[in-house]
Amino acid sequence: APTAPLGAWTLLEPGLLLASPTRTSPFAAGVCRFEEDRTGPPSRAYLKLWEALARLGYWPLPGERCVDLGASPGGWSWALATLGAEVISVDRAPLDPAVASLPNVTVRQESAFGIEPFATDWLFSDIIAYPQRLHGLLSRWIDSALAPRIVCTIKYQGSTDHAATDALAALPGARLLHLSHNRHELTFFRDTTGGPAR
């Protein structure tokens, strides 16, 4: 992604030009596009994760521990494993066998809401849960201070729950974005490490 400002302009009418020397997205028209892998991952969900990490500008390094909550069928776990991360996939439902058999994937077939937080480099979640319940889950992990980097999908069932969204945005260090691969969702980001200089 470009790192320098990419000014833009548009001529609204003769004599009226709108111009901006800066950008809000490094991607053309704000859309982050990927060539879909139709053979490796068990679902298309990994595209959201790739976009989230591309927008962050950094991603898990080989050997870093990643917890994937609500992992089944394993799209995010697959993507993290291909980066060389050590992935702990947590879900009551089984993982796709091809993902579960990867050497750097450990499967915990249990509820993501029932596990106690433990030390990890990254916490990821694409779990299907009401935003209020997700707030409780994220609050537990944030309060534990055991997951310095968090990337999580906030899924809306029916209308957007603005009060729950505001509560999630108010969590310490939270940033919410609507990604081009999100449907009726937002993505929650939190990083207490200061970014990629590690």
Protein backbone atom coordinates (compact mmCIF):
# COMPACT_ATOMS: atom_id res chain seq x y z
CA ALA A 1 0.00 0.00 0.00
CA PRO A 2 1.26 3.50 -0.72
CA THR A 3 2.66 5.38 2.25
CA ALA A 4 2.71 8.91 0.79
CA PRO A 5 -0.40 11.08 0.38
CA LEU A 6 -2.20 10.51 -2.91
CA GLY A 7 -4.10 13.75 -3.41
CA ALA A 8 -7.44 13.52 -5.14
CA TRP A 9 -9.78 15.98 -6.77
CA THR A 10 -13.14 16.19 -8.46
CA LEU A 11 -14.70 18.92 -10.55
CA LEU A 12 -18.25 19.34 -9.26
CA GLU A 13 -19.23 22.07 -11.71
CA PRO A 14 -17.46 24.77 -13.70
CA GLY A 15 -15.55 26.85 -11.19
CA LEU A 16 -16.03 24.42 -8.25
CA LEU A 17 -13.22 21.97 -7.57
CA LEU A 18 -12.96 19.79 -4.47
CA ALA A 19 -9.42 18.70 -3.65
CA SER A 20 -7.69 16.79 -0.88
CA PRO A 21 -3.93 16.38 -0.43
CA THR A 22 -4.42 13.38 1.87
CA ARG A 23 -6.21 10.04 1.78
CA THR A 24 -8.32 8.04 4.19
CA SER A 25 -7.47 4.71 2.56
CA PRO A 26 -4.37 3.41 0.79
CA PHE A 27 -6.59 1.37 -1.55
CA ALA A 28 -8.21 2.54 -4.78
CA ALA A 29 -11.73 3.76 -4.02
CA GLY A 30 -11.17 2.47 -0.47
CA VAL A 31 -11.67 -1.13 -1.60
CA CYS A 32 -9.06 -3.74 -0.71
CA ARG A 33 -9.25 -6.54 -3.29
CA PHE A 34 -7.71 -10.00 -3.18
CA GLU A 35 -7.62 -12.88 -5.62
CA GLU A 36 -9.80 -15.50 -3.96
CA ASP A 37 -8.16 -18.84 -3.16
CA ARG A 38 -10.83 -21.42 -3.96
CA THR A 39 -8.80 -24.49 -2.99
CA GLY A 40 -6.94 -23.83 0.29
CA PRO A 41 -9.30 -22.24 2.81
CA PRO A 42 -12.60 -23.87 3.81
CA SER A 43 -14.53 -20.57 3.53
CA ARG A 44 -14.29 -17.03 2.15
CA ALA A 45 -14.08 -15.53 5.66
CA TYR A 46 -10.28 -15.34 5.40
CA LEU A 47 -10.71 -12.41 2.97
CA LYS A 48 -11.97 -10.25 5.87
CA LEU A 49 -8.91 -11.20 7.88
CA TRP A 50 -6.50 -10.44 5.04
CA GLU A 51 -8.14 -7.05 4.54
CA ALA A 52 -8.01 -6.28 8.26
CA LEU A 53 -4.30 -7.14 8.40
CA ALA A 54 -3.60 -5.21 5.18
CA ARG A 55 -5.27 -2.15 6.71
CA LEU A 56 -3.22 -2.58 9.88
CA GLY A 57 -0.09 -2.78 7.76
CA TYR A 58 1.32 -5.71 9.75
CA TRP A 59 0.35 -9.26 10.63
CA PRO A 60 1.41 -12.17 12.81
CA LEU A 61 5.00 -13.23 12.33
CA PRO A 62 6.11 -16.86 12.09
CA GLY A 63 6.03 -18.42 15.54
CA GLU A 64 3.73 -15.82 17.10
CA ARG A 65 0.80 -17.27 19.04
CA CYS A 66 -2.66 -16.50 17.66
CA VAL A 67 -5.96 -17.48 19.26
CA ASP A 68 -8.88 -17.80 16.83
CA LEU A 69 -12.21 -17.73 18.70
CA GLY A 70 -15.21 -19.15 16.87
CA ALA A 71 -12.82 -20.71 14.40
CA SER A 72 -15.02 -23.24 12.57
CA PRO A 73 -14.80 -24.06 9.71
CA GLY A 74 -11.29 -22.61 9.84
CA GLY A 75 -10.86 -19.85 7.26
CA TRP A 76 -9.11 -17.48 9.66
CA SER A 77 -7.07 -20.28 11.25
CA TRP A 78 -5.96 -21.37 7.77
CA ALA A 79 -4.88 -17.82 6.86
CA LEU A 80 -2.96 -17.38 10.13
CA ALA A 81 -1.30 -20.78 9.78
CA THR A 82 -0.13 -19.92 6.26
CA LEU A 83 1.67 -16.92 7.77
CA GLY A 84 3.62 -19.32 9.99
CA ALA A 85 1.83 -18.37 13.21
CA GLU A 86 1.10 -20.92 15.95
CA VAL A 87 -2.70 -21.01 15.92
CA ILE A 88 -5.02 -22.13 18.71
CA SER A 89 -8.45 -22.61 17.13
CA VAL A 90 -11.37 -22.53 19.57
CA ASP A 91 -14.88 -23.59 18.57
CA ARG A 92 -17.48 -26.11 19.71
CA ALA A 93 -17.99 -27.08 16.06
CA PRO A 94 -15.26 -29.10 14.35
CA LEU A 95 -12.65 -27.49 12.14
CA ASP A 96 -12.31 -28.51 8.52
CA PRO A 97 -10.02 -31.59 8.64
CA ALA A 98 -7.49 -30.02 6.25
CA VAL A 99 -7.09 -27.04 8.60
CA ALA A 100 -7.16 -29.12 11.80
CA SER A 101 -4.32 -31.27 10.46
CA LEU A 102 -1.96 -28.35 9.80
CA PRO A 103 1.14 -28.75 12.00
CA ASN A 104 0.88 -25.26 13.50
CA VAL A 105 -2.84 -25.47 14.36
CA THR A 106 -4.03 -26.71 17.77
CA VAL A 107 -7.76 -27.35 18.08
CA ARG A 108 -9.70 -26.73 21.29
CA GLN A 109 -13.23 -27.98 20.68
CA GLU A 110 -15.01 -25.90 23.31
CA SER A 111 -16.97 -22.67 23.67
CA ALA A 112 -15.05 -19.47 23.01
CA PHE A 113 -17.12 -17.87 25.78
CA GLY A 114 -16.13 -20.51 28.33
CA ILE A 115 -12.34 -20.33 28.12
CA GLU A 116 -10.32 -18.18 30.46
CA PRO A 117 -7.99 -15.67 28.78
CA PHE A 118 -4.38 -16.81 28.46
CA ALA A 119 -1.21 -15.23 27.08
CA THR A 120 -1.19 -14.80 23.31
CA ASP A 121 0.37 -12.40 20.81
CA TRP A 122 -2.87 -11.94 18.87
CA LEU A 123 -6.55 -12.59 19.56
CA PHE A 124 -8.79 -13.07 16.52
CA SER A 125 -12.52 -13.70 16.36
CA ASP A 126 -15.08 -14.03 13.59
CA ILE A 127 -17.56 -15.59 16.00
CA ILE A 128 -21.29 -15.34 15.45
CA ALA A 129 -22.53 -13.56 18.57
CA TYR A 130 -24.72 -10.62 19.47
CA PRO A 131 -22.62 -7.46 19.91
CA GLN A 132 -23.54 -7.20 23.64
CA ARG A 133 -22.23 -10.71 24.27
CA LEU A 134 -19.12 -9.99 22.21
CA HIS A 135 -18.53 -6.89 24.36
CA GLY A 136 -18.38 -9.09 27.45
CA LEU A 137 -15.96 -11.50 25.77
CA LEU A 138 -13.65 -8.74 24.55
CA SER A 139 -13.79 -6.96 27.91
CA ARG A 140 -12.57 -10.12 29.67
CA TRP A 141 -9.60 -10.44 27.31
CA ILE A 142 -8.79 -6.71 27.47
CA ASP A 143 -9.01 -6.68 31.28
CA SER A 144 -6.68 -9.69 31.42
CA ALA A 145 -3.97 -7.75 29.50
CA LEU A 146 -2.95 -11.12 27.98
CA ALA A 147 -3.80 -10.30 24.33
CA PRO A 148 -2.02 -7.12 23.18
CA ARG A 149 -3.44 -7.27 19.63
CA ILE A 150 -7.10 -7.97 18.86
CA VAL A 151 -8.91 -8.22 15.52
CA CYS A 152 -12.57 -9.18 15.78
CA THR A 153 -15.68 -9.09 13.60
CA ILE A 154 -18.79 -7.49 15.08
CA LYS A 155 -21.79 -9.16 13.45
CA TYR A 156 -25.25 -7.62 13.39
CA GLN A 157 -28.34 -9.80 13.24
CA GLY A 158 -31.18 -7.67 11.97
CA SER A 159 -30.82 -3.94 12.51
CA THR A 160 -27.58 -2.34 13.64
CA ASP A 161 -27.33 -2.11 17.42
CA HIS A 162 -25.91 1.40 17.79
CA ALA A 163 -25.75 1.28 21.60
CA ALA A 164 -23.71 -1.94 21.54
CA THR A 165 -21.49 -0.50 18.79
CA ASP A 166 -20.84 2.60 20.89
CA ALA A 167 -20.00 0.40 23.89
CA LEU A 168 -17.51 -1.64 21.81
CA ALA A 169 -15.96 1.56 20.41
CA ALA A 170 -15.55 2.84 23.99
CA LEU A 171 -13.38 -0.13 25.01
CA PRO A 172 -9.81 1.03 25.74
CA GLY A 173 -7.77 1.35 22.54
CA ALA A 174 -10.64 0.25 20.28
CA ARG A 175 -10.93 1.23 16.64
CA LEU A 176 -13.88 0.16 14.47
CA LEU A 177 -13.89 0.01 10.67
CA HIS A 178 -16.28 -1.21 8.02
CA LEU A 179 -14.14 -3.24 5.64
CA SER A 180 -15.01 -3.84 2.01
CA HIS A 181 -15.27 -7.58 2.83
CA ASN A 182 -17.64 -6.92 5.76
CA ARG A 183 -21.29 -7.33 5.01
CA HIS A 184 -23.59 -6.33 7.89
CA GLU A 185 -20.53 -6.22 10.14
CA LEU A 186 -17.78 -4.01 11.50
CA THR A 187 -14.23 -4.97 12.40
CA PHE A 188 -12.82 -4.20 15.85
CA PHE A 189 -9.09 -3.46 16.14
CA ARG A 190 -6.96 -2.98 19.24
CA ASP A 191 -3.17 -2.91 19.55
CA THR A 192 -1.34 -1.97 22.73
CA THR A 193 2.13 -2.76 21.30
CA GLY A 194 2.49 0.41 19.24
CA GLY A 195 2.42 -1.34 15.88
CA PRO A 196 4.84 -3.18 13.64
CA ALA A 197 8.17 -2.06 15.11
CA ARG A 198 8.77 -5.30 17.00
